[in-house]
Amino acid sequence: MNAEFMNALNDLEHEKGLKKDILIEAIEMALISAYKRHFGNNQNARVEIDPETGEIKVFAIKQVVEEIEEDGAEITVEEAREINPAYEVGDTLETEVTPSEFGRIAAQTAKQVVVQRLREAERGIIFDQFSEKENEVLTAVVHRIERGNVYVEIGRAEGIIPVGETVYNERYNINERIKVYVLEVKKTNKGPQIIVSRTHPSLIKKLFELEVPEIRQNVVQIKSIAREAGGRTKIAVWSEEKDVDPVGACVGHKGTRIEKVVEELNGEKIDVVPWSSDPIEFIANALRPAKVVMVQINEDEKAAKVIVPDYQLSLAIGKEGQNARLAAKLTGWKIDIKSQTQMEEQVFGEEFANAEIDYESDIAQGFDVVDAINEEEAVEDVEEDLLLDIEDAELDIEDVPQEAEEAPETAPEEEKETEETE
């Protein structure tokens, strides 16, 4: 312990933010323990360090009493008055007992205390730094993988992606740079523990904020997100500005903005749909890219029935029901999807549903289903009348050939008579 060591403490105060007074106090407490441990003395003691020179003094503390009951911790009033006549019973007497070889022990102990306090201070700084970044997206470097947990380096700190927060179809390579969402920062005995995620829906939101200026400026708002990590994500966007296309802003020119997000998520598909305060419109939008014919809602049960064209049914439901499931999460409504044929069979019966009538064509031309049926019946009546006329015509035609056939039989006799007359 010397002046150079004290100057080093001054430097630590400026560079690391460790206050010199707190460090000296911690060193003094450590030196008391070292003094008792090395010199086998259990008496009360106090260590004093000169903040300028680094000089160390050890003082034994004794209580002035009439009669000693606890050896080493007490001194009689007579002995105390030999040192200073002013002492009375109940006073505290301090005498210097600094061992001659205590300097080496003190220096080693002080070094250990400083290193420990430095480590604790750095942990505190890291905790304070990252506790402010909860719910943010940070860039991390994959450090190691143990039992499915992925350990990453985030600046000077280490983070962990628990098994439940990793994407099932992602492969993490050592030294690979990835974006992670900070879930929580905890204090532990080994320092701050930073728990991050690759599956959280808010990761999508933060990635879009990085790529879309309109979202950062709050011109476009992300109203809802539904995600099945590694498979597909749906986000609903909205803007108060009528001149702003929220979907187009998120997709970008030729898809440049959304492609960067998809690339960061290793090819995860993302559907961006317009949000609406009207649940019917919102549910129809949420089922994109499928086309919807009709939406019927039950507000009490928060349930909706959706009708789609027959050829759009599989698209609306999605692979293993994914599209319908994400749409339900996005809107918060239970969604029952049926094709037009299924609905017609349910309402009118199977025979009506199988009738060969082009309903869509008729409706497009201004006719409803009833008009189409009436028109078909009218055509059938006209056909019956035409058949009757044709039958009558056929009867008349049959009579004409019979008269024509009789004429040739009489003609030869007339010619014979004429020849005989001549």
Foldseek 3Di string as FASTA:
>chain_A
DFQVVLVVLVVCCVPLVDDSVVLVVLLFVLLVVVCCVPVVAPADKGWDADSRTRDIWIKGKAAEACDDDDPSRYDHLVVVVVVPVPDDHGDIDIDTDDDPPSPVVSVVSSVVSVVVVSQVSVLVVVLVVCQVQAQAKAKWFFADADPQKTWTDGDPDIEIEDNVQDFPPDDHDGRDIAIWHFHDWDQDPNGIYTYTHDFDQSVLVNLLVVLFVCVVVVQKDFDFKFDDQPEEIEIEIEGPDPVDDNQCRSQDDVSPRVVVVCVSSVNHYYHYFYDDPPLFVLLQRLLPPFHWDGWDADVVQQEIETEGAPVRQDSSCDDVSVSQVRSCRGSVGHYHYDYPLVVCCVPPNNVVSPDPDPQVVQVVVPHHPVVRVVVVVVVVVVVVVVVVVVVVVVVVVVVVVVVVVVVVVVVVVVVVVVVVVD
